[in-house]
C-alpha atoms as a PDB file:
ATOM      1  CA  MET A   1       0.006   0.006   0.020  1.00  0.00           C
ATOM      2  CA  LYS A   2       1.504   3.292  -1.074  1.00  0.00           C
ATOM      3  CA  VAL A   3       2.108   5.893   1.683  1.00  0.00           C
ATOM      4  CA  GLN A   4       3.220   9.475   1.109  1.00  0.00           C
ATOM      5  CA  LEU A   5       5.438  10.772   3.912  1.00  0.00           C
ATOM      6  CA  LYS A   6       5.531  14.568   4.296  1.00  0.00           C
ATOM      7  CA  GLU A   7       8.335  16.545   5.868  1.00  0.00           C
ATOM      8  CA  VAL A   8      10.164  13.700   7.654  1.00  0.00           C
ATOM      9  CA  ARG A   9      13.867  13.635   8.561  1.00  0.00           C
ATOM     10  CA  VAL A  10      15.994  11.152   6.723  1.00  0.00           C
ATOM     11  CA  ALA A  11      18.536   9.386   8.888  1.00  0.00           C
ATOM     12  CA  PHE A  12      20.488   6.867   6.817  1.00  0.00           C
ATOM     13  CA  ILE A  13      20.994   7.353   3.074  1.00  0.00           C
ATOM     14  CA  GLN A  14      24.419   5.721   2.441  1.00  0.00           C
ATOM     15  CA  SER A  15      22.894   3.363  -0.141  1.00  0.00           C
ATOM     16  CA  LEU A  16      20.230   5.594  -1.619  1.00  0.00           C
ATOM     17  CA  TRP A  17      22.073   5.880  -4.964  1.00  0.00           C
ATOM     18  CA  THR A  18      24.617   3.029  -4.716  1.00  0.00           C
ATOM     19  CA  PRO A  19      23.181  -0.330  -3.772  1.00  0.00           C
ATOM     20  CA  GLN A  20      24.745  -2.286  -0.975  1.00  0.00           C
ATOM     21  CA  GLN A  21      24.320  -5.686   0.599  1.00  0.00           C
ATOM     22  CA  TYR A  22      22.840  -5.953   4.093  1.00  0.00           C
ATOM     23  CA  GLN A  23      25.792  -6.727   6.407  1.00  0.00           C
ATOM     24  CA  GLY A  24      27.797  -7.858   3.401  1.00  0.00           C
ATOM     25  CA  ALA A  25      25.416 -10.634   2.311  1.00  0.00           C
ATOM     26  CA  GLY A  26      22.287 -11.120   0.232  1.00  0.00           C
ATOM     27  CA  PRO A  27      21.016  -9.104  -2.704  1.00  0.00           C
ATOM     28  CA  PHE A  28      22.205  -5.539  -3.406  1.00  0.00           C
ATOM     29  CA  ARG A  29      19.583  -2.936  -2.508  1.00  0.00           C
ATOM     30  CA  ARG A  30      19.081   0.791  -2.105  1.00  0.00           C
ATOM     31  CA  SER A  31      17.785   2.049   1.199  1.00  0.00           C
ATOM     32  CA  ALA A  32      16.845   4.993   3.425  1.00  0.00           C
ATOM     33  CA  THR A  33      15.642   5.346   6.992  1.00  0.00           C
ATOM     34  CA  PHE A  34      13.039   7.989   7.904  1.00  0.00           C
ATOM     35  CA  LEU A  35      12.330   9.409  11.370  1.00  0.00           C
ATOM     36  CA  ILE A  36       8.616   9.660  12.233  1.00  0.00           C
ATOM     37  CA  VAL A  37       7.085  11.761  14.990  1.00  0.00           C
ATOM     38  CA  PRO A  38       4.808   9.469  17.089  1.00  0.00           C
ATOM     39  CA  GLY A  39       1.144  10.474  16.798  1.00  0.00           C
ATOM     40  CA  SER A  40       1.781  12.590  13.641  1.00  0.00           C
ATOM     41  CA  ASP A  41      -0.181  12.171  10.384  1.00  0.00           C
ATOM     42  CA  ASN A  42       2.770  10.268   8.980  1.00  0.00           C
ATOM     43  CA  ASP A  43       2.692   7.846  11.944  1.00  0.00           C
ATOM     44  CA  LYS A  44      -1.043   7.320  11.561  1.00  0.00           C
ATOM     45  CA  ALA A  45      -0.730   6.675   7.847  1.00  0.00           C
ATOM     46  CA  ILE A  46       2.042   4.104   8.337  1.00  0.00           C
ATOM     47  CA  GLU A  47       0.155   2.308  11.118  1.00  0.00           C
ATOM     48  CA  ALA A  48      -3.023   2.237   9.068  1.00  0.00           C
ATOM     49  CA  ALA A  49      -1.095   0.784   6.100  1.00  0.00           C
ATOM     50  CA  ILE A  50       0.510  -1.879   8.303  1.00  0.00           C
ATOM     51  CA  GLU A  51      -2.873  -2.927   9.765  1.00  0.00           C
ATOM     52  CA  LYS A  52      -4.477  -3.019   6.271  1.00  0.00           C
ATOM     53  CA  VAL A  53      -1.780  -5.057   4.552  1.00  0.00           C
ATOM     54  CA  ALA A  54      -1.562  -7.466   7.523  1.00  0.00           C
ATOM     55  CA  ALA A  55      -5.316  -8.028   7.467  1.00  0.00           C
ATOM     56  CA  GLU A  56      -5.279  -8.594   3.690  1.00  0.00           C
ATOM     57  CA  LYS A  57      -2.343 -11.003   3.797  1.00  0.00           C
ATOM     58  CA  PHE A  58      -2.862 -12.893   7.062  1.00  0.00           C
ATOM     59  CA  GLY A  59      -6.628 -12.648   7.641  1.00  0.00           C
ATOM     60  CA  LYS A  60      -7.691 -13.818  11.079  1.00  0.00           C
ATOM     61  CA  LYS A  61      -4.064 -14.423  12.062  1.00  0.00           C
ATOM     62  CA  ALA A  62      -3.088 -10.772  11.442  1.00  0.00           C
ATOM     63  CA  ALA A  63      -3.138  -9.570  15.064  1.00  0.00           C
ATOM     64  CA  GLY A  64      -1.063 -12.491  16.240  1.00  0.00           C
ATOM     65  CA  ILE A  65       1.478 -12.155  13.425  1.00  0.00           C
ATOM     66  CA  LEU A  66       1.775  -8.408  13.948  1.00  0.00           C
ATOM     67  CA  ALA A  67       2.351  -8.997  17.694  1.00  0.00           C
ATOM     68  CA  SER A  68       5.099 -11.503  16.856  1.00  0.00           C
ATOM     69  CA  VAL A  69       6.967  -9.242  14.328  1.00  0.00           C
ATOM     70  CA  ARG A  70       6.673  -5.840  15.993  1.00  0.00           C
ATOM     71  CA  GLY A  71       9.854  -4.939  17.850  1.00  0.00           C
ATOM     72  CA  ASN A  72      12.030  -7.119  15.565  1.00  0.00           C
ATOM     73  CA  SER A  73      13.818  -4.990  13.021  1.00  0.00           C
ATOM     74  CA  ASN A  74      14.415  -8.141  10.823  1.00  0.00           C
ATOM     75  CA  LYS A  75      10.673  -8.694  10.590  1.00  0.00           C
ATOM     76  CA  CYS A  76       9.130  -5.246  10.789  1.00  0.00           C
ATOM     77  CA  CYS A  77      10.146  -2.081   8.911  1.00  0.00           C
ATOM     78  CA  TYR A  78       8.567   0.287  11.482  1.00  0.00           C
ATOM     79  CA  MET A  79      10.315   0.469  14.842  1.00  0.00           C
ATOM     80  CA  ASP A  80      10.641   2.461  18.059  1.00  0.00           C
ATOM     81  CA  GLY A  81      13.577   4.834  17.750  1.00  0.00           C
ATOM     82  CA  ASN A  82      14.363   4.455  21.418  1.00  0.00           C
ATOM     83  CA  THR A  83      15.798   1.001  20.519  1.00  0.00           C
ATOM     84  CA  LYS A  84      18.658   2.931  18.800  1.00  0.00           C
ATOM     85  CA  PRO A  85      19.885   5.210  21.604  1.00  0.00           C
ATOM     86  CA  ASP A  86      23.330   5.739  20.053  1.00  0.00           C
ATOM     87  CA  TYR A  87      21.947   7.222  16.822  1.00  0.00           C
ATOM     88  CA  ASP A  88      21.375  10.986  16.335  1.00  0.00           C
ATOM     89  CA  GLY A  89      17.709  11.996  16.201  1.00  0.00           C
ATOM     90  CA  PHE A  90      16.172   8.579  16.993  1.00  0.00           C
ATOM     91  CA  GLN A  91      15.281   9.242  20.679  1.00  0.00           C
ATOM     92  CA  GLY A  92      11.560   9.801  21.168  1.00  0.00           C
ATOM     93  CA  MET A  93      10.851   9.003  17.522  1.00  0.00           C
ATOM     94  CA  LYS A  94       9.785   6.004  15.439  1.00  0.00           C
ATOM     95  CA  TYR A  95      11.722   5.014  12.322  1.00  0.00           C
ATOM     96  CA  LEU A  96      10.770   3.463   9.021  1.00  0.00           C
ATOM     97  CA  SER A  97      13.408   1.569   7.021  1.00  0.00           C
ATOM     98  CA  GLY A  98      12.687   1.410   3.280  1.00  0.00           C
ATOM     99  CA  HIS A  99      14.512  -0.708   0.695  1.00  0.00           C
ATOM    100  CA  ARG A 100      14.528  -1.224  -3.053  1.00  0.00           C
ATOM    101  CA  LYS A 101      16.145  -4.208  -4.717  1.00  0.00           C
ATOM    102  CA  ASP A 102      18.898  -3.247  -7.197  1.00  0.00           C
ATOM    103  CA  GLN A 103      17.069  -5.248  -9.911  1.00  0.00           C
ATOM    104  CA  ASP A 104      14.082  -2.926  -9.529  1.00  0.00           C
ATOM    105  CA  GLY A 105      16.127   0.011 -10.657  1.00  0.00           C
ATOM    106  CA  PRO A 106      17.108   3.273  -8.930  1.00  0.00           C
ATOM    107  CA  VAL A 107      15.088   5.225  -6.430  1.00  0.00           C
ATOM    108  CA  LEU A 108      13.663   8.496  -7.771  1.00  0.00           C
ATOM    109  CA  VAL A 109      15.526  11.279  -5.981  1.00  0.00           C
ATOM    110  CA  ILE A 110      14.422  14.829  -6.705  1.00  0.00           C
ATOM    111  CA  ASP A 111      14.733  18.400  -5.475  1.00  0.00           C
ATOM    112  CA  ARG A 112      11.915  20.650  -4.295  1.00  0.00           C
ATOM    113  CA  ASN A 113      11.259  21.667  -7.948  1.00  0.00           C
ATOM    114  CA  LYS A 114      11.206  17.992  -9.047  1.00  0.00           C
ATOM    115  CA  ALA A 115      14.635  18.318 -10.767  1.00  0.00           C
ATOM    116  CA  PRO A 116      16.584  15.077 -10.489  1.00  0.00           C
ATOM    117  CA  LEU A 117      19.307  15.001  -7.835  1.00  0.00           C
ATOM    118  CA  SER A 118      22.537  12.973  -8.075  1.00  0.00           C
ATOM    119  CA  GLU A 119      24.743  11.512  -5.390  1.00  0.00           C
ATOM    120  CA  GLY A 120      27.215  14.375  -5.647  1.00  0.00           C
ATOM    121  CA  SER A 121      24.608  17.128  -5.275  1.00  0.00           C
ATOM    122  CA  GLY A 122      24.866  17.162  -1.485  1.00  0.00           C
ATOM    123  CA  LYS A 123      21.165  16.601  -0.987  1.00  0.00           C
ATOM    124  CA  PRO A 124      19.392  14.889   0.480  1.00  0.00           C
ATOM    125  CA  TYR A 125      21.704  14.288   3.429  1.00  0.00           C
ATOM    126  CA  ALA A 126      21.279  12.625   6.825  1.00  0.00           C
ATOM    127  CA  GLY A 127      19.366  15.074   8.970  1.00  0.00           C
ATOM    128  CA  CYS A 128      17.540  17.047   6.280  1.00  0.00           C
ATOM    129  CA  TYR A 129      13.769  16.948   5.764  1.00  0.00           C
ATOM    130  CA  VAL A 130      12.264  15.062   2.828  1.00  0.00           C
ATOM    131  CA  ASN A 131       8.981  13.877   1.401  1.00  0.00           C
ATOM    132  CA  ALA A 132       8.989  10.222   0.492  1.00  0.00           C
ATOM    133  CA  SER A 133       6.885   7.748  -1.369  1.00  0.00           C
ATOM    134  CA  VAL A 134       6.984   4.210   0.093  1.00  0.00           C
ATOM    135  CA  ASP A 135       5.113   0.948  -0.331  1.00  0.00           C
ATOM    136  CA  ILE A 136       4.109  -0.918   2.866  1.00  0.00           C
ATOM    137  CA  TYR A 137       3.476  -4.650   2.301  1.00  0.00           C
ATOM    138  CA  ALA A 138       3.177  -7.906   4.182  1.00  0.00           C
ATOM    139  CA  GLN A 139       5.393 -10.843   3.393  1.00  0.00           C
ATOM    140  CA  GLU A 140       4.451 -14.458   4.234  1.00  0.00           C
ATOM    141  CA  GLY A 141       6.577 -17.556   4.245  1.00  0.00           C
ATOM    142  CA  GLN A 142      10.162 -18.055   5.369  1.00  0.00           C
ATOM    143  CA  ASN A 143      10.569 -14.286   6.013  1.00  0.00           C
ATOM    144  CA  THR A 144       7.094 -13.378   7.330  1.00  0.00           C
ATOM    145  CA  GLY A 145       6.931  -9.766   8.278  1.00  0.00           C
ATOM    146  CA  ILE A 146       5.985  -6.208   7.369  1.00  0.00           C
ATOM    147  CA  ARG A 147       8.237  -4.579   4.760  1.00  0.00           C
ATOM    148  CA  CYS A 148       8.683  -1.157   3.220  1.00  0.00           C
ATOM    149  CA  GLY A 149       9.570  -0.641  -0.437  1.00  0.00           C
ATOM    150  CA  LEU A 150      11.337   2.554  -1.260  1.00  0.00           C
ATOM    151  CA  ILE A 151       9.903   4.367  -4.314  1.00  0.00           C
ATOM    152  CA  GLY A 152      11.056   7.996  -4.215  1.00  0.00           C
ATOM    153  CA  VAL A 153      12.581  10.765  -2.085  1.00  0.00           C
ATOM    154  CA  GLN A 154      12.140  14.513  -2.575  1.00  0.00           C
ATOM    155  CA  PHE A 155      14.388  16.993  -0.767  1.00  0.00           C
ATOM    156  CA  ASN A 156      12.119  19.317   1.260  1.00  0.00           C
ATOM    157  CA  ARG A 157      14.329  21.547   3.396  1.00  0.00           C
ATOM    158  CA  ASP A 158      17.575  21.685   5.313  1.00  0.00           C
ATOM    159  CA  GLY A 159      17.991  20.353   8.857  1.00  0.00           C
ATOM    160  CA  ASP A 160      20.824  19.810  11.261  1.00  0.00           C
ATOM    161  CA  SER A 161      23.132  17.290   9.700  1.00  0.00           C
ATOM    162  CA  PHE A 162      23.566  14.032  11.588  1.00  0.00           C
ATOM    163  CA  GLY A 163      27.127  12.965  12.221  1.00  0.00           C
ATOM    164  CA  GLY A 164      28.391  16.399  13.335  1.00  0.00           C
ATOM    165  CA  ALA A 165      29.217  17.948   9.968  1.00  0.00           C
ATOM    166  CA  SER A 166      27.765  21.443   9.633  1.00  0.00           C
ATOM    167  CA  ARG A 167      26.353  22.685   6.357  1.00  0.00           C
ATOM    168  CA  SER A 168      26.647  26.139   4.860  1.00  0.00           C
ATOM    169  CA  ASP A 169      24.230  28.055   2.599  1.00  0.00           C
ATOM    170  CA  GLY A 170      26.849  30.766   2.163  1.00  0.00           C
ATOM    171  CA  SER A 171      24.944  33.372   4.211  1.00  0.00           C
ATOM    172  CA  GLU A 172      27.700  33.688   6.769  1.00  0.00           C
ATOM    173  CA  PHE A 173      30.051  35.109   4.089  1.00  0.00           C
ATOM    174  CA  GLU A 174      29.932  38.553   2.486  1.00  0.00           C
ATOM    175  CA  ASP A 175      30.279  39.074  -1.264  1.00  0.00           C
ATOM    176  CA  LEU A 176      33.846  40.221  -1.758  1.00  0.00           C
ATOM    177  CA  GLY A 177      33.420  40.960  -5.423  1.00  0.00           C
ATOM    178  CA  THR A 178      36.195  40.547  -7.959  1.00  0.00           C
ATOM    179  CA  PRO A 179      39.684  41.920  -7.249  1.00  0.00           C
ATOM    180  CA  GLU A 180      40.528  45.081  -9.162  1.00  0.00           C
ATOM    181  CA  GLY A 181      42.408  44.516 -12.389  1.00  0.00           C
ATOM    182  CA  SER A 182      41.505  40.892 -12.702  1.00  0.00           C
ATOM    183  CA  GLU A 183      39.475  39.509 -15.508  1.00  0.00           C
ATOM    184  CA  GLU A 184      36.886  36.819 -14.614  1.00  0.00           C
ATOM    185  CA  GLU A 185      37.105  34.004 -17.051  1.00  0.00           C
ATOM    186  CA  ASP A 186      33.973  32.510 -18.538  1.00  0.00           C
ATOM    187  CA  PHE A 187      34.225  28.725 -18.198  1.00  0.00           C
ATOM    188  CA  ALA A 188      30.763  28.093 -19.643  1.00  0.00           C
END
């Protein structure tokens, strides 16, 4: 079930553009982790999607299966951020981990104006705010659980960068102009 997340912080994006294996094994995939405010519209939409896909997939067993997978990050994509006390921004939040198999192609990553963004553009980055399109689904069988497919990410606005690195928009510098007597070259 598709869910549109609005103005959420993105925490982990190391493999958003370049697929990686989970702990060095298994298929290559792209991924991102989103921080969700408990009780927010985003939280309610995710919880409603989880309940709906579980009911559709597991029927009368849905409540029992959900109870057995919640709290296990290998079986449920939506977790309590307090279980990750060492990670910036997770305390008091929930987090949603989304993945996309490499064979399914790249994740759409765009700017506020819908222009495509590349890995070297500097955005999105861990700690900024994004909008995201995800697909919540239930999986049955050997790996029974609730999963989140990653569809697209749109940079929304800046936020405090996780990991300690500060970002600059240039406003702390004054325009010094061009030194007298120098010719600016046109490199276009």
